[in-house]
């Protein structure tokens, strides 16, 4: 496959095309196969490894370049990098049926693996196997989207499983150690309690420290309140990313 430009000829091989229609116009970029989904899944972050050429086309296979006026009118910017990122993020990946099926199978597996890794049965605190999660996703009739990251869709799957009660499931809690200056610990602790699921152990010395279980989504606000409340003299340490029954492992 060859791409022609006014002053030279650029040969593109092993190409995947990402296409986006906007403002009644078609825009395309040429990417390396398998790299688009890796970028969308945040596995690949280097655009040079994704793009065959940092150029925007109306038709990649014919080598037809997009008009600069059309780009500015449709995207409200003349920043090529911003436009490329939007096309890469929102565009439709053009692949063959067999390749598409393989990509969708891989993406579905990635989603199930992420769900199994981040969740447990709340009654037993035991993790689910990937196979069990795959069956639960199938029972949901969840439509996997090739244009969204596996992580985004995994979080959505967890939410739907909880709402529809297809499977008893909850995010695995993190175990953390909170340290605060002793004289101010009581006052600061009152601000932290809403973000803590369980306080397993406390030491009311100076400094004060506590071993707690928290939902993963509470780590950031908890860290901010510990830092602000203690004026930087306190801290929070992650002891384990998942609170599981001893000896349990995801199969």
C-alpha atoms as a PDB file:
ATOM      1  CA  UNK A   1       0.000   0.000   0.000  1.00  0.00           C
ATOM      2  CA  UNK A   2       1.433   3.409  -0.944  1.00  0.00           C
ATOM      3  CA  UNK A   3       0.594   6.899   0.238  1.00  0.00           C
ATOM      4  CA  UNK A   4       1.403   9.702  -2.221  1.00  0.00           C
ATOM      5  CA  UNK A   5       2.115  13.260  -1.189  1.00  0.00           C
ATOM      6  CA  UNK A   6       3.067  16.146  -3.515  1.00  0.00           C
ATOM      7  CA  UNK A   7       6.820  15.954  -2.913  1.00  0.00           C
ATOM      8  CA  UNK A   8       7.422  12.331  -2.069  1.00  0.00           C
ATOM      9  CA  UNK A   9       6.009   8.833  -1.712  1.00  0.00           C
ATOM     10  CA  UNK A  10       5.494   7.176   1.662  1.00  0.00           C
ATOM     11  CA  UNK A  11       4.917   3.432   1.765  1.00  0.00           C
ATOM     12  CA  UNK A  12       2.721   2.193   4.575  1.00  0.00           C
ATOM     13  CA  UNK A  13       2.710  -1.487   5.451  1.00  0.00           C
ATOM     14  CA  UNK A  14       0.821  -3.536   8.027  1.00  0.00           C
ATOM     15  CA  UNK A  15      -1.639  -0.643   8.286  1.00  0.00           C
ATOM     16  CA  UNK A  16      -4.826  -0.189  10.294  1.00  0.00           C
ATOM     17  CA  UNK A  17      -7.065   2.771   9.524  1.00  0.00           C
ATOM     18  CA  UNK A  18      -9.001   4.713  12.147  1.00  0.00           C
ATOM     19  CA  UNK A  19     -11.873   6.646  10.594  1.00  0.00           C
ATOM     20  CA  UNK A  20     -13.999   9.462  12.046  1.00  0.00           C
ATOM     21  CA  UNK A  21     -16.871  11.327  10.408  1.00  0.00           C
ATOM     22  CA  UNK A  22     -17.364  14.866  11.694  1.00  0.00           C
ATOM     23  CA  UNK A  23     -19.080  17.929  10.291  1.00  0.00           C
ATOM     24  CA  UNK A  24     -20.091  15.960   7.215  1.00  0.00           C
ATOM     25  CA  UNK A  25     -16.453  15.162   6.411  1.00  0.00           C
ATOM     26  CA  UNK A  26     -14.420  11.979   6.695  1.00  0.00           C
ATOM     27  CA  UNK A  27     -11.042  11.944   8.411  1.00  0.00           C
ATOM     28  CA  UNK A  28      -8.625   9.025   8.644  1.00  0.00           C
ATOM     29  CA  UNK A  29      -5.281   8.251  10.249  1.00  0.00           C
ATOM     30  CA  UNK A  30      -2.911   5.388   9.479  1.00  0.00           C
ATOM     31  CA  UNK A  31      -1.874   3.257  12.452  1.00  0.00           C
ATOM     32  CA  UNK A  32       0.056   0.049  13.088  1.00  0.00           C
ATOM     33  CA  UNK A  33      -2.054  -3.050  13.548  1.00  0.00           C
ATOM     34  CA  UNK A  34      -2.755  -4.107  17.134  1.00  0.00           C
ATOM     35  CA  UNK A  35      -1.491  -0.777  18.494  1.00  0.00           C
ATOM     36  CA  UNK A  36      -4.789   1.136  18.456  1.00  0.00           C
ATOM     37  CA  UNK A  37      -6.468  -1.110  21.016  1.00  0.00           C
ATOM     38  CA  UNK A  38      -3.288  -1.161  23.123  1.00  0.00           C
ATOM     39  CA  UNK A  39      -3.383   2.657  23.164  1.00  0.00           C
ATOM     40  CA  UNK A  40      -7.087   2.701  24.042  1.00  0.00           C
ATOM     41  CA  UNK A  41      -6.440   0.218  26.826  1.00  0.00           C
ATOM     42  CA  UNK A  42      -3.578   2.409  28.085  1.00  0.00           C
ATOM     43  CA  UNK A  43      -1.037  -0.351  27.459  1.00  0.00           C
ATOM     44  CA  UNK A  44       0.768   1.711  24.825  1.00  0.00           C
ATOM     45  CA  UNK A  45       1.269   5.413  25.568  1.00  0.00           C
ATOM     46  CA  UNK A  46       3.795   6.412  22.907  1.00  0.00           C
ATOM     47  CA  UNK A  47       1.920   7.789  19.872  1.00  0.00           C
ATOM     48  CA  UNK A  48       4.987   7.201  17.694  1.00  0.00           C
ATOM     49  CA  UNK A  49       4.435   3.477  18.269  1.00  0.00           C
ATOM     50  CA  UNK A  50       0.768   3.791  17.238  1.00  0.00           C
ATOM     51  CA  UNK A  51       0.841   6.139  14.230  1.00  0.00           C
ATOM     52  CA  UNK A  52       2.476   5.155  10.957  1.00  0.00           C
ATOM     53  CA  UNK A  53       2.580   8.842  10.066  1.00  0.00           C
ATOM     54  CA  UNK A  54       1.296  11.901  12.018  1.00  0.00           C
ATOM     55  CA  UNK A  55      -0.870  13.000   9.103  1.00  0.00           C
ATOM     56  CA  UNK A  56      -4.639  13.275   8.674  1.00  0.00           C
ATOM     57  CA  UNK A  57      -6.210  11.930   5.487  1.00  0.00           C
ATOM     58  CA  UNK A  58      -9.614  11.918   3.851  1.00  0.00           C
ATOM     59  CA  UNK A  59      -8.633   8.545   2.397  1.00  0.00           C
ATOM     60  CA  UNK A  60      -5.553   6.678   3.594  1.00  0.00           C
ATOM     61  CA  UNK A  61      -5.512   4.048   0.832  1.00  0.00           C
ATOM     62  CA  UNK A  62      -5.580   6.734  -1.914  1.00  0.00           C
ATOM     63  CA  UNK A  63      -3.187   9.038  -0.106  1.00  0.00           C
ATOM     64  CA  UNK A  64      -5.663  11.925  -0.075  1.00  0.00           C
ATOM     65  CA  UNK A  65      -4.752  14.494   2.569  1.00  0.00           C
ATOM     66  CA  UNK A  66      -7.358  16.392   4.564  1.00  0.00           C
ATOM     67  CA  UNK A  67      -7.874  20.066   3.801  1.00  0.00           C
ATOM     68  CA  UNK A  68      -6.580  22.339   6.564  1.00  0.00           C
ATOM     69  CA  UNK A  69      -9.685  24.521   6.372  1.00  0.00           C
ATOM     70  CA  UNK A  70     -11.933  21.465   6.810  1.00  0.00           C
ATOM     71  CA  UNK A  71      -9.900  20.334   9.806  1.00  0.00           C
ATOM     72  CA  UNK A  72     -10.135  23.717  11.515  1.00  0.00           C
ATOM     73  CA  UNK A  73     -13.847  24.060  10.750  1.00  0.00           C
ATOM     74  CA  UNK A  74     -14.801  20.575  11.982  1.00  0.00           C
ATOM     75  CA  UNK A  75     -12.481  20.264  15.001  1.00  0.00           C
ATOM     76  CA  UNK A  76     -12.391  23.964  16.023  1.00  0.00           C
ATOM     77  CA  UNK A  77      -8.598  23.832  16.194  1.00  0.00           C
ATOM     78  CA  UNK A  78      -5.613  23.722  13.871  1.00  0.00           C
ATOM     79  CA  UNK A  79      -3.558  21.688  16.349  1.00  0.00           C
ATOM     80  CA  UNK A  80      -2.848  18.475  14.428  1.00  0.00           C
ATOM     81  CA  UNK A  81      -1.919  16.515  17.552  1.00  0.00           C
ATOM     82  CA  UNK A  82      -5.226  17.321  19.259  1.00  0.00           C
ATOM     83  CA  UNK A  83      -7.145  16.318  16.141  1.00  0.00           C
ATOM     84  CA  UNK A  84      -5.235  13.043  15.813  1.00  0.00           C
ATOM     85  CA  UNK A  85      -5.919  12.207  19.473  1.00  0.00           C
ATOM     86  CA  UNK A  86      -9.655  12.800  18.979  1.00  0.00           C
ATOM     87  CA  UNK A  87      -9.731  10.610  15.879  1.00  0.00           C
ATOM     88  CA  UNK A  88      -7.735   7.913  17.686  1.00  0.00           C
ATOM     89  CA  UNK A  89     -10.052   8.076  20.714  1.00  0.00           C
ATOM     90  CA  UNK A  90     -13.451   8.339  19.001  1.00  0.00           C
ATOM     91  CA  UNK A  91     -12.856   6.932  15.529  1.00  0.00           C
ATOM     92  CA  UNK A  92     -13.879   3.568  14.132  1.00  0.00           C
ATOM     93  CA  UNK A  93     -11.070   1.065  13.692  1.00  0.00           C
ATOM     94  CA  UNK A  94     -11.227  -0.533  10.245  1.00  0.00           C
ATOM     95  CA  UNK A  95     -10.190  -4.183  10.406  1.00  0.00           C
ATOM     96  CA  UNK A  96     -11.120  -7.450   8.713  1.00  0.00           C
ATOM     97  CA  UNK A  97     -13.831  -9.670  10.169  1.00  0.00           C
ATOM     98  CA  UNK A  98     -11.415 -12.340  11.412  1.00  0.00           C
ATOM     99  CA  UNK A  99      -9.111  -9.753  12.968  1.00  0.00           C
ATOM    100  CA  UNK A 100     -12.073  -7.926  14.492  1.00  0.00           C
ATOM    101  CA  UNK A 101     -13.332 -11.170  16.054  1.00  0.00           C
ATOM    102  CA  UNK A 102      -9.888 -11.866  17.533  1.00  0.00           C
ATOM    103  CA  UNK A 103      -9.616  -8.329  18.905  1.00  0.00           C
ATOM    104  CA  UNK A 104     -13.073  -8.507  20.460  1.00  0.00           C
ATOM    105  CA  UNK A 105     -12.262 -11.876  22.025  1.00  0.00           C
ATOM    106  CA  UNK A 106      -9.043 -10.458  23.496  1.00  0.00           C
ATOM    107  CA  UNK A 107     -10.817  -7.337  24.762  1.00  0.00           C
ATOM    108  CA  UNK A 108     -13.595  -9.415  26.360  1.00  0.00           C
ATOM    109  CA  UNK A 109     -10.980 -11.554  28.094  1.00  0.00           C
ATOM    110  CA  UNK A 110      -9.160  -8.437  29.330  1.00  0.00           C
ATOM    111  CA  UNK A 111     -12.405  -7.036  30.766  1.00  0.00           C
ATOM    112  CA  UNK A 112     -13.226 -10.283  32.582  1.00  0.00           C
ATOM    113  CA  UNK A 113      -9.662 -10.515  33.932  1.00  0.00           C
ATOM    114  CA  UNK A 114      -9.816  -6.966  35.295  1.00  0.00           C
ATOM    115  CA  UNK A 115     -13.185  -7.606  36.970  1.00  0.00           C
ATOM    116  CA  UNK A 116     -11.895 -10.834  38.527  1.00  0.00           C
ATOM    117  CA  UNK A 117      -8.757  -9.043  39.717  1.00  0.00           C
ATOM    118  CA  UNK A 118     -10.523  -6.090  41.343  1.00  0.00           C
ATOM    119  CA  UNK A 119     -13.557  -7.840  42.874  1.00  0.00           C
ATOM    120  CA  UNK A 120     -14.530 -10.530  45.365  1.00  0.00           C
ATOM    121  CA  UNK A 121     -17.620 -12.310  46.637  1.00  0.00           C
ATOM    122  CA  UNK A 122     -18.633  -9.956  49.485  1.00  0.00           C
ATOM    123  CA  UNK A 123     -19.962 -12.842  51.571  1.00  0.00           C
ATOM    124  CA  UNK A 124     -16.815 -14.951  51.497  1.00  0.00           C
ATOM    125  CA  UNK A 125     -14.154 -12.406  50.458  1.00  0.00           C
ATOM    126  CA  UNK A 126     -13.049 -15.003  47.950  1.00  0.00           C
ATOM    127  CA  UNK A 127     -12.083 -13.947  44.414  1.00  0.00           C
ATOM    128  CA  UNK A 128     -13.957 -15.199  41.368  1.00  0.00           C
ATOM    129  CA  UNK A 129     -12.215 -17.030  38.545  1.00  0.00           C
ATOM    130  CA  UNK A 130     -12.041 -15.338  35.144  1.00  0.00           C
ATOM    131  CA  UNK A 131     -14.275 -18.086  33.747  1.00  0.00           C
ATOM    132  CA  UNK A 132     -16.997 -17.331  36.297  1.00  0.00           C
ATOM    133  CA  UNK A 133     -16.806 -13.619  35.462  1.00  0.00           C
ATOM    134  CA  UNK A 134     -16.998 -14.364  31.740  1.00  0.00           C
ATOM    135  CA  UNK A 135     -20.197 -16.352  32.293  1.00  0.00           C
ATOM    136  CA  UNK A 136     -21.668 -13.538  34.409  1.00  0.00           C
ATOM    137  CA  UNK A 137     -20.846 -10.995  31.678  1.00  0.00           C
ATOM    138  CA  UNK A 138     -22.486 -13.272  29.125  1.00  0.00           C
ATOM    139  CA  UNK A 139     -25.606 -13.500  31.304  1.00  0.00           C
ATOM    140  CA  UNK A 140     -25.673  -9.697  31.392  1.00  0.00           C
ATOM    141  CA  UNK A 141     -25.709  -9.607  27.578  1.00  0.00           C
ATOM    142  CA  UNK A 142     -23.110  -6.866  27.879  1.00  0.00           C
ATOM    143  CA  UNK A 143     -22.033  -5.364  24.546  1.00  0.00           C
ATOM    144  CA  UNK A 144     -18.268  -4.963  24.460  1.00  0.00           C
ATOM    145  CA  UNK A 145     -17.182  -1.758  22.701  1.00  0.00           C
ATOM    146  CA  UNK A 146     -13.900  -1.781  20.729  1.00  0.00           C
ATOM    147  CA  UNK A 147     -13.603   2.001  21.073  1.00  0.00           C
ATOM    148  CA  UNK A 148     -13.493   2.027  24.898  1.00  0.00           C
ATOM    149  CA  UNK A 149     -10.741   0.826  27.211  1.00  0.00           C
ATOM    150  CA  UNK A 150     -10.950  -2.494  29.037  1.00  0.00           C
ATOM    151  CA  UNK A 151     -10.711  -0.674  32.382  1.00  0.00           C
ATOM    152  CA  UNK A 152     -13.665   1.615  31.607  1.00  0.00           C
ATOM    153  CA  UNK A 153     -15.800  -1.337  30.597  1.00  0.00           C
ATOM    154  CA  UNK A 154     -14.688  -3.471  33.545  1.00  0.00           C
ATOM    155  CA  UNK A 155     -15.923  -0.776  35.956  1.00  0.00           C
ATOM    156  CA  UNK A 156     -19.203  -0.594  34.036  1.00  0.00           C
ATOM    157  CA  UNK A 157     -19.592  -4.380  34.182  1.00  0.00           C
ATOM    158  CA  UNK A 158     -19.091  -4.332  37.970  1.00  0.00           C
ATOM    159  CA  UNK A 159     -21.776  -1.665  38.280  1.00  0.00           C
ATOM    160  CA  UNK A 160     -24.239  -3.630  36.141  1.00  0.00           C
ATOM    161  CA  UNK A 161     -23.547  -6.890  37.988  1.00  0.00           C
ATOM    162  CA  UNK A 162     -24.307  -5.114  41.263  1.00  0.00           C
ATOM    163  CA  UNK A 163     -27.439  -3.372  39.963  1.00  0.00           C
ATOM    164  CA  UNK A 164     -28.922  -6.477  38.335  1.00  0.00           C
ATOM    165  CA  UNK A 165     -27.660  -8.785  41.086  1.00  0.00           C
ATOM    166  CA  UNK A 166     -26.447 -11.226  38.470  1.00  0.00           C
ATOM    167  CA  UNK A 167     -23.609 -12.203  40.786  1.00  0.00           C
ATOM    168  CA  UNK A 168     -22.858 -11.212  44.398  1.00  0.00           C
ATOM    169  CA  UNK A 169     -19.870  -8.992  43.802  1.00  0.00           C
ATOM    170  CA  UNK A 170     -18.020  -6.083  45.416  1.00  0.00           C
ATOM    171  CA  UNK A 171     -14.770  -4.230  44.904  1.00  0.00           C
ATOM    172  CA  UNK A 172     -12.040  -5.823  47.000  1.00  0.00           C
ATOM    173  CA  UNK A 173     -11.126  -3.549  49.883  1.00  0.00           C
ATOM    174  CA  UNK A 174      -7.620  -2.213  50.453  1.00  0.00           C
ATOM    175  CA  UNK A 175      -5.852  -2.481  53.790  1.00  0.00           C
ATOM    176  CA  UNK A 176      -4.055   0.740  54.768  1.00  0.00           C
ATOM    177  CA  UNK A 177      -2.201   2.161  57.751  1.00  0.00           C
ATOM    178  CA  UNK A 178      -3.057   5.732  58.751  1.00  0.00           C
ATOM    179  CA  UNK A 179      -0.642   7.728  60.895  1.00  0.00           C
ATOM    180  CA  UNK A 180      -1.580  11.033  62.564  1.00  0.00           C
ATOM    181  CA  UNK A 181       0.010  13.386  65.119  1.00  0.00           C
ATOM    182  CA  UNK A 182      -1.340  12.231  68.498  1.00  0.00           C
ATOM    183  CA  UNK A 183      -2.582  15.583  69.807  1.00  0.00           C
ATOM    184  CA  UNK A 184      -4.757  16.225  66.771  1.00  0.00           C
ATOM    185  CA  UNK A 185      -5.689  12.632  65.935  1.00  0.00           C
ATOM    186  CA  UNK A 186      -9.217  12.683  67.398  1.00  0.00           C
ATOM    187  CA  UNK A 187     -10.251  15.780  65.468  1.00  0.00           C
ATOM    188  CA  UNK A 188      -8.720  14.596  62.199  1.00  0.00           C
ATOM    189  CA  UNK A 189     -10.136  11.085  62.593  1.00  0.00           C
ATOM    190  CA  UNK A 190     -13.692  12.482  62.579  1.00  0.00           C
ATOM    191  CA  UNK A 191     -13.076  13.733  59.050  1.00  0.00           C
ATOM    192  CA  UNK A 192     -11.679  10.383  57.939  1.00  0.00           C
ATOM    193  CA  UNK A 193     -14.393   8.045  59.252  1.00  0.00           C
ATOM    194  CA  UNK A 194     -16.799   8.533  56.278  1.00  0.00           C
ATOM    195  CA  UNK A 195     -14.062   7.217  53.958  1.00  0.00           C
ATOM    196  CA  UNK A 196     -13.235   4.126  56.050  1.00  0.00           C
ATOM    197  CA  UNK A 197     -15.106   0.820  55.815  1.00  0.00           C
ATOM    198  CA  UNK A 198     -13.576  -0.931  58.844  1.00  0.00           C
ATOM    199  CA  UNK A 199     -11.036   0.075  61.510  1.00  0.00           C
ATOM    200  CA  UNK A 200      -9.270  -3.181  62.353  1.00  0.00           C
ATOM    201  CA  UNK A 201      -6.813  -1.882  64.943  1.00  0.00           C
ATOM    202  CA  UNK A 202      -5.922   1.428  66.607  1.00  0.00           C
ATOM    203  CA  UNK A 203      -3.005   2.698  68.642  1.00  0.00           C
ATOM    204  CA  UNK A 204      -3.768   5.911  70.575  1.00  0.00           C
ATOM    205  CA  UNK A 205      -0.171   6.849  71.153  1.00  0.00           C
ATOM    206  CA  UNK A 206       1.823   9.717  69.689  1.00  0.00           C
ATOM    207  CA  UNK A 207       1.738   9.311  66.820  1.00  0.00           C
ATOM    208  CA  UNK A 208      -1.716   7.731  66.477  1.00  0.00           C
ATOM    209  CA  UNK A 209      -1.970   4.921  63.951  1.00  0.00           C
ATOM    210  CA  UNK A 210      -4.777   2.717  62.688  1.00  0.00           C
ATOM    211  CA  UNK A 211      -5.083  -0.279  60.388  1.00  0.00           C
ATOM    212  CA  UNK A 212      -8.157   0.150  58.202  1.00  0.00           C
ATOM    213  CA  UNK A 213     -10.048  -1.365  55.278  1.00  0.00           C
ATOM    214  CA  UNK A 214     -11.212   1.057  52.607  1.00  0.00           C
ATOM    215  CA  UNK A 215     -12.862   0.884  49.199  1.00  0.00           C
ATOM    216  CA  UNK A 216     -10.253   1.608  46.466  1.00  0.00           C
ATOM    217  CA  UNK A 217     -12.144   4.707  45.342  1.00  0.00           C
ATOM    218  CA  UNK A 218     -11.683   6.250  48.796  1.00  0.00           C
ATOM    219  CA  UNK A 219      -7.879   6.197  48.727  1.00  0.00           C
ATOM    220  CA  UNK A 220      -7.443   9.572  47.049  1.00  0.00           C
ATOM    221  CA  UNK A 221      -9.917  11.593  49.178  1.00  0.00           C
ATOM    222  CA  UNK A 222      -8.626   9.847  52.315  1.00  0.00           C
ATOM    223  CA  UNK A 223      -5.012  10.677  51.437  1.00  0.00           C
ATOM    224  CA  UNK A 224      -5.936  14.312  50.781  1.00  0.00           C
ATOM    225  CA  UNK A 225      -7.760  14.651  54.118  1.00  0.00           C
ATOM    226  CA  UNK A 226      -4.921  13.009  56.044  1.00  0.00           C
ATOM    227  CA  UNK A 227      -2.428  15.394  54.439  1.00  0.00           C
ATOM    228  CA  UNK A 228      -4.568  18.513  54.839  1.00  0.00           C
ATOM    229  CA  UNK A 229      -5.798  17.732  58.355  1.00  0.00           C
ATOM    230  CA  UNK A 230      -2.336  16.926  59.685  1.00  0.00           C
ATOM    231  CA  UNK A 231      -0.642  19.724  57.681  1.00  0.00           C
ATOM    232  CA  UNK A 232       1.631  17.153  56.095  1.00  0.00           C
ATOM    233  CA  UNK A 233       2.667  15.508  59.355  1.00  0.00           C
ATOM    234  CA  UNK A 234       0.439  12.466  58.894  1.00  0.00           C
ATOM    235  CA  UNK A 235       0.545   9.765  56.285  1.00  0.00           C
ATOM    236  CA  UNK A 236      -1.201   6.794  54.739  1.00  0.00           C
ATOM    237  CA  UNK A 237       0.512   3.563  53.713  1.00  0.00           C
ATOM    238  CA  UNK A 238      -0.987   0.825  51.528  1.00  0.00           C
ATOM    239  CA  UNK A 239      -0.470  -2.552  53.221  1.00  0.00           C
ATOM    240  CA  UNK A 240      -2.346  -4.706  50.697  1.00  0.00           C
ATOM    241  CA  UNK A 241      -4.291  -3.947  47.541  1.00  0.00           C
ATOM    242  CA  UNK A 242      -6.899  -6.634  48.234  1.00  0.00           C
ATOM    243  CA  UNK A 243      -8.338  -7.991  51.483  1.00  0.00           C
ATOM    244  CA  UNK A 244      -8.798 -11.709  50.742  1.00  0.00           C
ATOM    245  CA  UNK A 245      -9.268 -14.765  52.859  1.00  0.00           C
ATOM    246  CA  UNK A 246      -5.836 -16.133  53.670  1.00  0.00           C
ATOM    247  CA  UNK A 247      -4.611 -18.619  51.104  1.00  0.00           C
ATOM    248  CA  UNK A 248      -7.110 -17.600  48.430  1.00  0.00           C
ATOM    249  CA  UNK A 249      -5.820 -16.828  44.972  1.00  0.00           C
ATOM    250  CA  UNK A 250      -7.587 -16.058  41.718  1.00  0.00           C
ATOM    251  CA  UNK A 251      -7.433 -19.059  39.429  1.00  0.00           C
END
